[in-house]
C-alpha atoms as a PDB file:
ATOM      1  CA  UNK A   1     -35.328  44.646 -66.021  1.00  0.00           C
ATOM      2  CA  UNK A   2     -33.023  43.681 -68.475  1.00  0.00           C
ATOM      3  CA  UNK A   3     -30.867  42.845 -65.390  1.00  0.00           C
ATOM      4  CA  UNK A   4     -33.453  40.508 -64.044  1.00  0.00           C
ATOM      5  CA  UNK A   5     -33.932  38.918 -67.400  1.00  0.00           C
ATOM      6  CA  UNK A   6     -30.082  38.585 -67.961  1.00  0.00           C
ATOM      7  CA  UNK A   7     -29.566  36.963 -64.410  1.00  0.00           C
ATOM      8  CA  UNK A   8     -32.645  34.749 -65.161  1.00  0.00           C
ATOM      9  CA  UNK A   9     -30.623  33.484 -68.451  1.00  0.00           C
ATOM     10  CA  UNK A  10     -27.585  32.629 -66.276  1.00  0.00           C
ATOM     11  CA  UNK A  11     -28.967  30.286 -63.475  1.00  0.00           C
ATOM     12  CA  UNK A  12     -30.900  28.893 -66.166  1.00  0.00           C
ATOM     13  CA  UNK A  13     -27.887  28.317 -68.261  1.00  0.00           C
ATOM     14  CA  UNK A  14     -25.782  27.010 -64.768  1.00  0.00           C
ATOM     15  CA  UNK A  15     -29.133  24.342 -64.372  1.00  0.00           C
ATOM     16  CA  UNK A  16     -28.459  22.775 -68.213  1.00  0.00           C
ATOM     17  CA  UNK A  17     -24.720  22.552 -67.791  1.00  0.00           C
ATOM     18  CA  UNK A  18     -21.676  21.477 -65.418  1.00  0.00           C
ATOM     19  CA  UNK A  19     -17.777  22.083 -66.387  1.00  0.00           C
ATOM     20  CA  UNK A  20     -15.318  19.638 -65.123  1.00  0.00           C
ATOM     21  CA  UNK A  21     -12.233  21.228 -64.720  1.00  0.00           C
ATOM     22  CA  UNK A  22     -10.390  17.468 -64.796  1.00  0.00           C
ATOM     23  CA  UNK A  23      -6.892  18.279 -65.389  1.00  0.00           C
ATOM     24  CA  UNK A  24      -7.344  21.588 -66.598  1.00  0.00           C
ATOM     25  CA  UNK A  25      -3.970  22.834 -64.022  1.00  0.00           C
ATOM     26  CA  UNK A  26      -1.978  20.933 -65.628  1.00  0.00           C
ATOM     27  CA  UNK A  27      -2.590  21.302 -69.943  1.00  0.00           C
ATOM     28  CA  UNK A  28       1.159  20.508 -70.532  1.00  0.00           C
ATOM     29  CA  UNK A  29       0.503  16.701 -69.752  1.00  0.00           C
ATOM     30  CA  UNK A  30      -3.079  16.552 -71.401  1.00  0.00           C
ATOM     31  CA  UNK A  31      -1.717  13.962 -74.011  1.00  0.00           C
ATOM     32  CA  UNK A  32       0.460  12.253 -71.525  1.00  0.00           C
ATOM     33  CA  UNK A  33      -2.455  11.439 -69.528  1.00  0.00           C
ATOM     34  CA  UNK A  34      -4.543  10.772 -72.387  1.00  0.00           C
ATOM     35  CA  UNK A  35      -2.071   7.678 -73.321  1.00  0.00           C
ATOM     36  CA  UNK A  36      -1.731   6.847 -69.850  1.00  0.00           C
ATOM     37  CA  UNK A  37      -5.769   6.704 -68.842  1.00  0.00           C
ATOM     38  CA  UNK A  38      -6.357   5.035 -72.784  1.00  0.00           C
ATOM     39  CA  UNK A  39      -3.265   2.191 -71.517  1.00  0.00           C
ATOM     40  CA  UNK A  40      -5.354   1.933 -68.406  1.00  0.00           C
ATOM     41  CA  UNK A  41      -8.399   1.698 -69.327  1.00  0.00           C
ATOM     42  CA  UNK A  42      -7.415  -0.950 -72.069  1.00  0.00           C
ATOM     43  CA  UNK A  43      -5.798  -3.398 -69.754  1.00  0.00           C
ATOM     44  CA  UNK A  44      -8.712  -3.226 -67.147  1.00  0.00           C
ATOM     45  CA  UNK A  45     -10.831  -4.406 -70.316  1.00  0.00           C
ATOM     46  CA  UNK A  46      -8.888  -6.749 -71.314  1.00  0.00           C
ATOM     47  CA  UNK A  47      -7.682  -8.314 -67.737  1.00  0.00           C
ATOM     48  CA  UNK A  48     -10.667  -8.477 -66.455  1.00  0.00           C
ATOM     49  CA  UNK A  49     -12.375 -10.100 -69.741  1.00  0.00           C
ATOM     50  CA  UNK A  50     -10.187 -12.644 -69.479  1.00  0.00           C
ATOM     51  CA  UNK A  51     -11.229 -13.363 -65.807  1.00  0.00           C
ATOM     52  CA  UNK A  52     -14.703 -13.633 -66.941  1.00  0.00           C
ATOM     53  CA  UNK A  53     -13.873 -16.197 -69.960  1.00  0.00           C
ATOM     54  CA  UNK A  54     -11.831 -18.366 -67.746  1.00  0.00           C
ATOM     55  CA  UNK A  55     -13.806 -18.578 -65.014  1.00  0.00           C
ATOM     56  CA  UNK A  56     -16.648 -19.280 -67.399  1.00  0.00           C
ATOM     57  CA  UNK A  57     -14.929 -22.246 -69.468  1.00  0.00           C
ATOM     58  CA  UNK A  58     -12.715 -23.783 -67.294  1.00  0.00           C
ATOM     59  CA  UNK A  59     -14.300 -26.768 -65.399  1.00  0.00           C
ATOM     60  CA  UNK A  60     -12.496 -26.489 -62.213  1.00  0.00           C
ATOM     61  CA  UNK A  61     -13.122 -22.840 -62.346  1.00  0.00           C
ATOM     62  CA  UNK A  62     -16.896 -23.584 -61.351  1.00  0.00           C
ATOM     63  CA  UNK A  63     -17.083 -22.875 -57.512  1.00  0.00           C
ATOM     64  CA  UNK A  64     -19.036 -20.459 -55.785  1.00  0.00           C
ATOM     65  CA  UNK A  65     -15.863 -18.513 -54.951  1.00  0.00           C
ATOM     66  CA  UNK A  66     -14.822 -17.933 -59.095  1.00  0.00           C
ATOM     67  CA  UNK A  67     -18.681 -17.166 -59.945  1.00  0.00           C
ATOM     68  CA  UNK A  68     -18.603 -14.137 -57.418  1.00  0.00           C
ATOM     69  CA  UNK A  69     -15.097 -13.220 -58.773  1.00  0.00           C
ATOM     70  CA  UNK A  70     -16.530 -13.169 -62.542  1.00  0.00           C
ATOM     71  CA  UNK A  71     -19.272 -11.143 -61.540  1.00  0.00           C
ATOM     72  CA  UNK A  72     -17.026  -8.936 -59.662  1.00  0.00           C
ATOM     73  CA  UNK A  73     -14.756  -8.198 -62.663  1.00  0.00           C
ATOM     74  CA  UNK A  74     -17.577  -7.764 -64.895  1.00  0.00           C
ATOM     75  CA  UNK A  75     -18.402  -4.533 -62.666  1.00  0.00           C
ATOM     76  CA  UNK A  76     -14.657  -3.212 -62.445  1.00  0.00           C
ATOM     77  CA  UNK A  77     -15.715  -3.274 -66.527  1.00  0.00           C
ATOM     78  CA  UNK A  78     -19.245  -1.141 -65.890  1.00  0.00           C
ATOM     79  CA  UNK A  79     -17.265   0.992 -63.239  1.00  0.00           C
ATOM     80  CA  UNK A  80     -14.874   2.326 -65.088  1.00  0.00           C
ATOM     81  CA  UNK A  81     -16.561   2.509 -68.495  1.00  0.00           C
ATOM     82  CA  UNK A  82     -18.512   5.090 -66.842  1.00  0.00           C
ATOM     83  CA  UNK A  83     -15.721   7.828 -65.558  1.00  0.00           C
ATOM     84  CA  UNK A  84     -12.452   6.432 -67.859  1.00  0.00           C
ATOM     85  CA  UNK A  85     -14.056   7.353 -71.079  1.00  0.00           C
ATOM     86  CA  UNK A  86     -15.903  10.614 -70.482  1.00  0.00           C
ATOM     87  CA  UNK A  87     -12.073  11.390 -69.057  1.00  0.00           C
ATOM     88  CA  UNK A  88     -10.339  10.476 -72.451  1.00  0.00           C
ATOM     89  CA  UNK A  89     -12.838  12.465 -74.106  1.00  0.00           C
ATOM     90  CA  UNK A  90     -12.382  15.466 -72.333  1.00  0.00           C
ATOM     91  CA  UNK A  91      -8.530  15.201 -71.928  1.00  0.00           C
ATOM     92  CA  UNK A  92      -8.815  14.923 -76.260  1.00  0.00           C
ATOM     93  CA  UNK A  93     -11.192  17.762 -76.766  1.00  0.00           C
ATOM     94  CA  UNK A  94      -9.635  19.725 -73.739  1.00  0.00           C
ATOM     95  CA  UNK A  95     -13.742  20.928 -73.188  1.00  0.00           C
ATOM     96  CA  UNK A  96     -15.316  19.156 -69.748  1.00  0.00           C
ATOM     97  CA  UNK A  97     -18.663  20.517 -70.785  1.00  0.00           C
ATOM     98  CA  UNK A  98     -21.520  17.919 -69.563  1.00  0.00           C
ATOM     99  CA  UNK A  99     -24.967  18.098 -69.242  1.00  0.00           C
ATOM    100  CA  UNK A 100     -26.896  18.593 -66.261  1.00  0.00           C
ATOM    101  CA  UNK A 101     -28.789  15.532 -67.002  1.00  0.00           C
ATOM    102  CA  UNK A 102     -25.528  13.710 -68.160  1.00  0.00           C
ATOM    103  CA  UNK A 103     -23.869  14.535 -65.216  1.00  0.00           C
ATOM    104  CA  UNK A 104     -26.847  12.861 -62.512  1.00  0.00           C
ATOM    105  CA  UNK A 105     -26.939   9.744 -64.756  1.00  0.00           C
ATOM    106  CA  UNK A 106     -22.987   9.775 -64.298  1.00  0.00           C
ATOM    107  CA  UNK A 107     -23.308  10.063 -60.653  1.00  0.00           C
ATOM    108  CA  UNK A 108     -26.037   7.748 -60.152  1.00  0.00           C
ATOM    109  CA  UNK A 109     -24.340   5.266 -62.053  1.00  0.00           C
ATOM    110  CA  UNK A 110     -20.992   5.488 -59.911  1.00  0.00           C
ATOM    111  CA  UNK A 111     -22.894   5.302 -56.358  1.00  0.00           C
ATOM    112  CA  UNK A 112     -24.792   2.186 -57.921  1.00  0.00           C
ATOM    113  CA  UNK A 113     -21.369   0.292 -59.271  1.00  0.00           C
ATOM    114  CA  UNK A 114     -19.739   1.448 -56.409  1.00  0.00           C
ATOM    115  CA  UNK A 115     -22.613   0.278 -53.628  1.00  0.00           C
ATOM    116  CA  UNK A 116     -22.813  -3.037 -55.663  1.00  0.00           C
ATOM    117  CA  UNK A 117     -19.200  -3.598 -55.611  1.00  0.00           C
ATOM    118  CA  UNK A 118     -19.083  -3.158 -51.679  1.00  0.00           C
ATOM    119  CA  UNK A 119     -21.942  -5.831 -51.213  1.00  0.00           C
ATOM    120  CA  UNK A 120     -20.162  -7.962 -53.507  1.00  0.00           C
ATOM    121  CA  UNK A 121     -16.919  -7.914 -51.800  1.00  0.00           C
ATOM    122  CA  UNK A 122     -19.078  -8.862 -48.300  1.00  0.00           C
ATOM    123  CA  UNK A 123     -20.641 -11.517 -50.388  1.00  0.00           C
ATOM    124  CA  UNK A 124     -17.205 -12.710 -51.278  1.00  0.00           C
ATOM    125  CA  UNK A 125     -16.204 -12.559 -47.775  1.00  0.00           C
ATOM    126  CA  UNK A 126     -18.892 -14.643 -46.592  1.00  0.00           C
ATOM    127  CA  UNK A 127     -18.288 -17.231 -49.206  1.00  0.00           C
ATOM    128  CA  UNK A 128     -14.580 -17.795 -48.023  1.00  0.00           C
ATOM    129  CA  UNK A 129     -16.336 -17.960 -44.440  1.00  0.00           C
ATOM    130  CA  UNK A 130     -18.632 -20.759 -45.200  1.00  0.00           C
ATOM    131  CA  UNK A 131     -15.650 -22.649 -47.647  1.00  0.00           C
ATOM    132  CA  UNK A 132     -13.241 -22.261 -44.125  1.00  0.00           C
ATOM    133  CA  UNK A 133     -14.956 -22.173 -41.251  1.00  0.00           C
ATOM    134  CA  UNK A 134     -17.997 -25.065 -42.103  1.00  0.00           C
ATOM    135  CA  UNK A 135     -16.087 -26.537 -45.082  1.00  0.00           C
ATOM    136  CA  UNK A 136     -18.156 -29.991 -44.927  1.00  0.00           C
ATOM    137  CA  UNK A 137     -21.623 -28.218 -45.358  1.00  0.00           C
ATOM    138  CA  UNK A 138     -20.462 -25.621 -48.116  1.00  0.00           C
ATOM    139  CA  UNK A 139     -21.406 -27.370 -50.944  1.00  0.00           C
ATOM    140  CA  UNK A 140     -24.730 -27.326 -49.617  1.00  0.00           C
ATOM    141  CA  UNK A 141     -25.262 -23.809 -48.158  1.00  0.00           C
ATOM    142  CA  UNK A 142     -23.536 -22.336 -51.186  1.00  0.00           C
ATOM    143  CA  UNK A 143     -25.652 -23.736 -53.697  1.00  0.00           C
ATOM    144  CA  UNK A 144     -25.711 -22.610 -56.823  1.00  0.00           C
ATOM    145  CA  UNK A 145     -29.128 -20.992 -56.319  1.00  0.00           C
ATOM    146  CA  UNK A 146     -27.931 -19.273 -53.759  1.00  0.00           C
ATOM    147  CA  UNK A 147     -25.194 -17.908 -55.283  1.00  0.00           C
ATOM    148  CA  UNK A 148     -27.319 -16.430 -58.053  1.00  0.00           C
ATOM    149  CA  UNK A 149     -29.750 -14.664 -55.385  1.00  0.00           C
ATOM    150  CA  UNK A 150     -26.643 -13.473 -53.246  1.00  0.00           C
ATOM    151  CA  UNK A 151     -25.269 -11.984 -56.483  1.00  0.00           C
ATOM    152  CA  UNK A 152     -28.811 -10.423 -57.699  1.00  0.00           C
ATOM    153  CA  UNK A 153     -29.106  -8.553 -54.592  1.00  0.00           C
ATOM    154  CA  UNK A 154     -25.655  -7.234 -54.882  1.00  0.00           C
ATOM    155  CA  UNK A 155     -26.758  -5.774 -58.579  1.00  0.00           C
ATOM    156  CA  UNK A 156     -30.469  -4.488 -57.492  1.00  0.00           C
ATOM    157  CA  UNK A 157     -30.646  -3.757 -53.572  1.00  0.00           C
ATOM    158  CA  UNK A 158     -28.955  -0.343 -53.916  1.00  0.00           C
ATOM    159  CA  UNK A 159     -30.472   0.881 -57.271  1.00  0.00           C
ATOM    160  CA  UNK A 160     -33.876   2.662 -55.464  1.00  0.00           C
ATOM    161  CA  UNK A 161     -31.519   4.098 -53.000  1.00  0.00           C
ATOM    162  CA  UNK A 162     -28.857   5.389 -55.336  1.00  0.00           C
ATOM    163  CA  UNK A 163     -32.025   6.974 -57.944  1.00  0.00           C
ATOM    164  CA  UNK A 164     -33.362   8.153 -54.909  1.00  0.00           C
ATOM    165  CA  UNK A 165     -30.501  10.186 -53.685  1.00  0.00           C
ATOM    166  CA  UNK A 166     -29.486  10.732 -56.960  1.00  0.00           C
ATOM    167  CA  UNK A 167     -33.000  13.018 -57.373  1.00  0.00           C
ATOM    168  CA  UNK A 168     -32.379  14.711 -54.396  1.00  0.00           C
ATOM    169  CA  UNK A 169     -29.166  16.126 -54.978  1.00  0.00           C
ATOM    170  CA  UNK A 170     -30.441  17.465 -58.551  1.00  0.00           C
ATOM    171  CA  UNK A 171     -33.245  18.810 -57.203  1.00  0.00           C
ATOM    172  CA  UNK A 172     -31.186  21.205 -55.144  1.00  0.00           C
ATOM    173  CA  UNK A 173     -30.796  24.810 -56.614  1.00  0.00           C
ATOM    174  CA  UNK A 174     -27.688  25.336 -58.156  1.00  0.00           C
ATOM    175  CA  UNK A 175     -27.157  29.006 -58.705  1.00  0.00           C
ATOM    176  CA  UNK A 176     -23.820  29.191 -58.174  1.00  0.00           C
ATOM    177  CA  UNK A 177     -20.977  28.287 -59.980  1.00  0.00           C
ATOM    178  CA  UNK A 178     -21.693  25.389 -63.085  1.00  0.00           C
ATOM    179  CA  UNK A 179     -17.652  24.893 -62.626  1.00  0.00           C
ATOM    180  CA  UNK A 180     -16.663  21.063 -60.796  1.00  0.00           C
ATOM    181  CA  UNK A 181     -13.166  20.644 -59.769  1.00  0.00           C
ATOM    182  CA  UNK A 182     -13.087  16.748 -60.551  1.00  0.00           C
ATOM    183  CA  UNK A 183     -12.786  14.769 -63.797  1.00  0.00           C
ATOM    184  CA  UNK A 184     -16.454  12.929 -63.262  1.00  0.00           C
ATOM    185  CA  UNK A 185     -19.606  13.795 -61.257  1.00  0.00           C
ATOM    186  CA  UNK A 186     -18.773  12.653 -57.906  1.00  0.00           C
ATOM    187  CA  UNK A 187     -21.123  13.453 -55.093  1.00  0.00           C
ATOM    188  CA  UNK A 188     -19.107  15.685 -53.121  1.00  0.00           C
ATOM    189  CA  UNK A 189     -17.497  18.269 -55.584  1.00  0.00           C
ATOM    190  CA  UNK A 190     -21.524  18.266 -56.566  1.00  0.00           C
ATOM    191  CA  UNK A 191     -22.852  18.515 -53.672  1.00  0.00           C
ATOM    192  CA  UNK A 192     -20.522  21.694 -52.816  1.00  0.00           C
ATOM    193  CA  UNK A 193     -21.549  23.859 -55.398  1.00  0.00           C
ATOM    194  CA  UNK A 194     -25.503  23.827 -54.357  1.00  0.00           C
ATOM    195  CA  UNK A 195     -26.827  26.631 -52.756  1.00  0.00           C
ATOM    196  CA  UNK A 196     -28.870  27.142 -49.432  1.00  0.00           C
ATOM    197  CA  UNK A 197     -29.109  24.446 -46.859  1.00  0.00           C
ATOM    198  CA  UNK A 198     -27.825  20.833 -47.572  1.00  0.00           C
ATOM    199  CA  UNK A 199     -27.373  19.718 -44.255  1.00  0.00           C
ATOM    200  CA  UNK A 200     -30.463  16.853 -44.908  1.00  0.00           C
ATOM    201  CA  UNK A 201     -28.706  15.834 -47.860  1.00  0.00           C
ATOM    202  CA  UNK A 202     -25.366  15.679 -46.494  1.00  0.00           C
ATOM    203  CA  UNK A 203     -27.447  13.403 -43.319  1.00  0.00           C
ATOM    204  CA  UNK A 204     -28.720  11.371 -46.055  1.00  0.00           C
ATOM    205  CA  UNK A 205     -25.085  10.922 -47.707  1.00  0.00           C
ATOM    206  CA  UNK A 206     -23.845   9.737 -44.020  1.00  0.00           C
ATOM    207  CA  UNK A 207     -26.427   7.369 -43.666  1.00  0.00           C
ATOM    208  CA  UNK A 208     -26.327   6.084 -47.401  1.00  0.00           C
ATOM    209  CA  UNK A 209     -22.618   5.513 -46.467  1.00  0.00           C
ATOM    210  CA  UNK A 210     -23.190   3.619 -43.537  1.00  0.00           C
ATOM    211  CA  UNK A 211     -25.409   1.109 -44.826  1.00  0.00           C
ATOM    212  CA  UNK A 212     -23.869   0.385 -48.024  1.00  0.00           C
ATOM    213  CA  UNK A 213     -19.861   0.961 -46.533  1.00  0.00           C
ATOM    214  CA  UNK A 214     -19.527   0.504 -43.317  1.00  0.00           C
ATOM    215  CA  UNK A 215     -21.894  -2.011 -42.314  1.00  0.00           C
ATOM    216  CA  UNK A 216     -21.018  -4.185 -45.317  1.00  0.00           C
ATOM    217  CA  UNK A 217     -16.739  -3.736 -44.446  1.00  0.00           C
ATOM    218  CA  UNK A 218     -17.870  -4.432 -40.753  1.00  0.00           C
ATOM    219  CA  UNK A 219     -19.772  -8.016 -41.983  1.00  0.00           C
ATOM    220  CA  UNK A 220     -16.143  -8.972 -43.945  1.00  0.00           C
ATOM    221  CA  UNK A 221     -13.992  -7.327 -40.550  1.00  0.00           C
ATOM    222  CA  UNK A 222     -15.956 -10.237 -38.279  1.00  0.00           C
ATOM    223  CA  UNK A 223     -16.178 -12.875 -41.460  1.00  0.00           C
ATOM    224  CA  UNK A 224     -11.950 -12.435 -41.522  1.00  0.00           C
ATOM    225  CA  UNK A 225     -12.036 -12.506 -37.541  1.00  0.00           C
ATOM    226  CA  UNK A 226     -13.684 -16.029 -37.436  1.00  0.00           C
ATOM    227  CA  UNK A 227     -11.294 -16.880 -40.488  1.00  0.00           C
ATOM    228  CA  UNK A 228      -8.316 -16.213 -38.902  1.00  0.00           C
ATOM    229  CA  UNK A 229      -9.772 -17.595 -35.891  1.00  0.00           C
ATOM    230  CA  UNK A 230     -10.314 -21.041 -37.701  1.00  0.00           C
ATOM    231  CA  UNK A 231      -6.943 -20.992 -39.774  1.00  0.00           C
ATOM    232  CA  UNK A 232      -4.829 -20.681 -36.765  1.00  0.00           C
ATOM    233  CA  UNK A 233      -6.599 -23.390 -35.237  1.00  0.00           C
ATOM    234  CA  UNK A 234      -5.187 -25.966 -37.800  1.00  0.00           C
ATOM    235  CA  UNK A 235      -2.803 -28.422 -36.568  1.00  0.00           C
ATOM    236  CA  UNK A 236      -0.728 -28.647 -40.515  1.00  0.00           C
ATOM    237  CA  UNK A 237       1.315 -25.592 -41.456  1.00  0.00           C
ATOM    238  CA  UNK A 238       0.537 -26.299 -45.162  1.00  0.00           C
ATOM    239  CA  UNK A 239      -3.487 -26.260 -44.311  1.00  0.00           C
ATOM    240  CA  UNK A 240      -2.982 -22.783 -42.932  1.00  0.00           C
ATOM    241  CA  UNK A 241      -0.756 -21.274 -46.004  1.00  0.00           C
ATOM    242  CA  UNK A 242      -3.299 -22.673 -48.264  1.00  0.00           C
ATOM    243  CA  UNK A 243      -6.576 -21.178 -46.267  1.00  0.00           C
ATOM    244  CA  UNK A 244      -4.564 -17.740 -46.114  1.00  0.00           C
ATOM    245  CA  UNK A 245      -3.355 -18.133 -50.213  1.00  0.00           C
ATOM    246  CA  UNK A 246      -7.355 -18.347 -50.812  1.00  0.00           C
ATOM    247  CA  UNK A 247      -8.255 -15.064 -48.569  1.00  0.00           C
ATOM    248  CA  UNK A 248      -5.383 -12.939 -48.996  1.00  0.00           C
ATOM    249  CA  UNK A 249      -6.286 -11.413 -52.644  1.00  0.00           C
ATOM    250  CA  UNK A 250      -9.579 -10.800 -51.690  1.00  0.00           C
ATOM    251  CA  UNK A 251      -8.394  -9.244 -48.198  1.00  0.00           C
ATOM    252  CA  UNK A 252      -6.072  -6.833 -50.123  1.00  0.00           C
ATOM    253  CA  UNK A 253      -8.697  -5.724 -52.715  1.00  0.00           C
ATOM    254  CA  UNK A 254     -10.911  -4.490 -49.735  1.00  0.00           C
ATOM    255  CA  UNK A 255      -8.453  -2.770 -48.011  1.00  0.00           C
ATOM    256  CA  UNK A 256      -7.614  -0.699 -50.923  1.00  0.00           C
ATOM    257  CA  UNK A 257     -11.472  -0.346 -52.131  1.00  0.00           C
ATOM    258  CA  UNK A 258     -13.315   0.425 -48.464  1.00  0.00           C
ATOM    259  CA  UNK A 259      -9.957   2.696 -47.472  1.00  0.00           C
ATOM    260  CA  UNK A 260     -10.422   5.154 -49.945  1.00  0.00           C
ATOM    261  CA  UNK A 261     -14.425   5.055 -50.199  1.00  0.00           C
ATOM    262  CA  UNK A 262     -14.778   6.012 -46.614  1.00  0.00           C
ATOM    263  CA  UNK A 263     -12.440   8.345 -46.735  1.00  0.00           C
ATOM    264  CA  UNK A 264     -14.253  10.099 -49.860  1.00  0.00           C
ATOM    265  CA  UNK A 265     -18.465   9.253 -49.193  1.00  0.00           C
ATOM    266  CA  UNK A 266     -17.903   9.871 -45.187  1.00  0.00           C
ATOM    267  CA  UNK A 267     -17.127  13.437 -45.946  1.00  0.00           C
ATOM    268  CA  UNK A 268     -19.555  14.697 -48.118  1.00  0.00           C
ATOM    269  CA  UNK A 269     -18.366  18.211 -47.950  1.00  0.00           C
ATOM    270  CA  UNK A 270     -14.306  17.335 -47.484  1.00  0.00           C
ATOM    271  CA  UNK A 271     -11.952  19.234 -45.269  1.00  0.00           C
ATOM    272  CA  UNK A 272      -9.008  18.822 -47.150  1.00  0.00           C
ATOM    273  CA  UNK A 273      -8.345  20.594 -50.627  1.00  0.00           C
ATOM    274  CA  UNK A 274     -10.260  19.321 -53.700  1.00  0.00           C
ATOM    275  CA  UNK A 275      -6.377  17.813 -54.976  1.00  0.00           C
ATOM    276  CA  UNK A 276      -6.109  15.575 -52.441  1.00  0.00           C
ATOM    277  CA  UNK A 277      -9.910  14.168 -53.156  1.00  0.00           C
ATOM    278  CA  UNK A 278      -9.123  14.114 -56.970  1.00  0.00           C
ATOM    279  CA  UNK A 279      -6.352  12.136 -55.934  1.00  0.00           C
ATOM    280  CA  UNK A 280      -8.534   9.917 -53.673  1.00  0.00           C
ATOM    281  CA  UNK A 281     -10.930   9.179 -56.070  1.00  0.00           C
ATOM    282  CA  UNK A 282      -8.781   8.759 -59.132  1.00  0.00           C
ATOM    283  CA  UNK A 283      -7.308   5.872 -56.462  1.00  0.00           C
ATOM    284  CA  UNK A 284     -10.276   3.895 -56.261  1.00  0.00           C
ATOM    285  CA  UNK A 285     -11.901   4.755 -59.961  1.00  0.00           C
ATOM    286  CA  UNK A 286      -8.549   4.026 -62.098  1.00  0.00           C
ATOM    287  CA  UNK A 287      -5.891   2.292 -59.942  1.00  0.00           C
ATOM    288  CA  UNK A 288      -7.983  -0.059 -57.805  1.00  0.00           C
ATOM    289  CA  UNK A 289      -9.447  -1.443 -60.974  1.00  0.00           C
ATOM    290  CA  UNK A 290      -6.551  -1.718 -62.344  1.00  0.00           C
ATOM    291  CA  UNK A 291      -5.177  -3.848 -59.814  1.00  0.00           C
ATOM    292  CA  UNK A 292      -7.616  -6.306 -58.887  1.00  0.00           C
ATOM    293  CA  UNK A 293      -7.742  -8.493 -62.491  1.00  0.00           C
ATOM    294  CA  UNK A 294      -4.005  -8.774 -60.874  1.00  0.00           C
ATOM    295  CA  UNK A 295      -3.865  -8.935 -57.215  1.00  0.00           C
ATOM    296  CA  UNK A 296      -6.382 -12.063 -57.886  1.00  0.00           C
ATOM    297  CA  UNK A 297      -4.433 -13.406 -61.051  1.00  0.00           C
ATOM    298  CA  UNK A 298      -0.913 -13.208 -59.738  1.00  0.00           C
ATOM    299  CA  UNK A 299      -1.849 -14.565 -56.092  1.00  0.00           C
ATOM    300  CA  UNK A 300      -4.272 -17.181 -57.461  1.00  0.00           C
ATOM    301  CA  UNK A 301      -2.871 -20.489 -58.608  1.00  0.00           C
ATOM    302  CA  UNK A 302      -5.919 -21.742 -59.964  1.00  0.00           C
ATOM    303  CA  UNK A 303      -6.628 -18.966 -62.116  1.00  0.00           C
ATOM    304  CA  UNK A 304      -3.123 -19.103 -63.044  1.00  0.00           C
ATOM    305  CA  UNK A 305      -3.245 -23.369 -64.154  1.00  0.00           C
ATOM    306  CA  UNK A 306      -6.366 -21.687 -66.196  1.00  0.00           C
ATOM    307  CA  UNK A 307      -4.679 -19.133 -68.189  1.00  0.00           C
ATOM    308  CA  UNK A 308      -1.674 -21.665 -69.093  1.00  0.00           C
ATOM    309  CA  UNK A 309      -4.568 -24.298 -70.522  1.00  0.00           C
ATOM    310  CA  UNK A 310      -6.262 -21.443 -72.338  1.00  0.00           C
ATOM    311  CA  UNK A 311      -2.985 -20.018 -74.021  1.00  0.00           C
ATOM    312  CA  UNK A 312      -2.271 -23.264 -75.045  1.00  0.00           C
ATOM    313  CA  UNK A 313      -5.228 -24.225 -77.099  1.00  0.00           C
ATOM    314  CA  UNK A 314      -5.044 -20.781 -78.615  1.00  0.00           C
ATOM    315  CA  UNK A 315      -1.073 -21.532 -79.402  1.00  0.00           C
ATOM    316  CA  UNK A 316      -1.703 -25.433 -80.028  1.00  0.00           C
END
């Protein structure tokens, strides 16, 4: 009777709390990692905030492309804020305890913002397609009302799906280890801890991944196929270079983001080592949000001009 009671208490404890291992396998580097990730987080906040600011106040940037870029920058801030502050706290305290509810909430927001980014990148590809392949009708097709509707759809369409999937996963029994070998509650490592048959849940993950990752990616590929075809038909070399320059930044971001997302979410119970899975997650949750504002800023003359104008106003 006593053993059964202990087992029941142990199971309840497991359900009430998870432990994120994070970077506990390299304890000597805790303070170094804390410093690196703190600098990265502050850089992401600062760079994306600057992009949001210049796209809002500069009259030359009041176009659909920069409206979408401003939304992408805000989305990146939300995305990293779900994971990095928690990771910094765990590195600081050297404890990875996270409640069952907090773990579910973190996963829900990571998937929600990740899905929104997939859709927003698709919208940005469509914007470039209309601008280059149908320039005469561009102001009519991509008017402000349409832009707002496209952004709204990108932000909210995945919300009910993600909430449903998160509830489905956290309704599973977690009767074994409560240790998550990761630095945040990502879907694959959490699903790996579930007891019993998770086949239905894995199929659901594949379906959602196809809808929110593969379908948008294919739409982007089709858009860029038509864009490249139209650019190659231009007689002017200068015109071709200008058209390519407006698309290259977005294309780099798409390849980086979709590449890592595909590897992670099309393998709910991955065959690769947990260390590799953690590294890939670090890439798309930390490195890509750091690179995005740099890619969009350095490869975009309009943004650079707007930044110079802003600096001039501040300094004078």
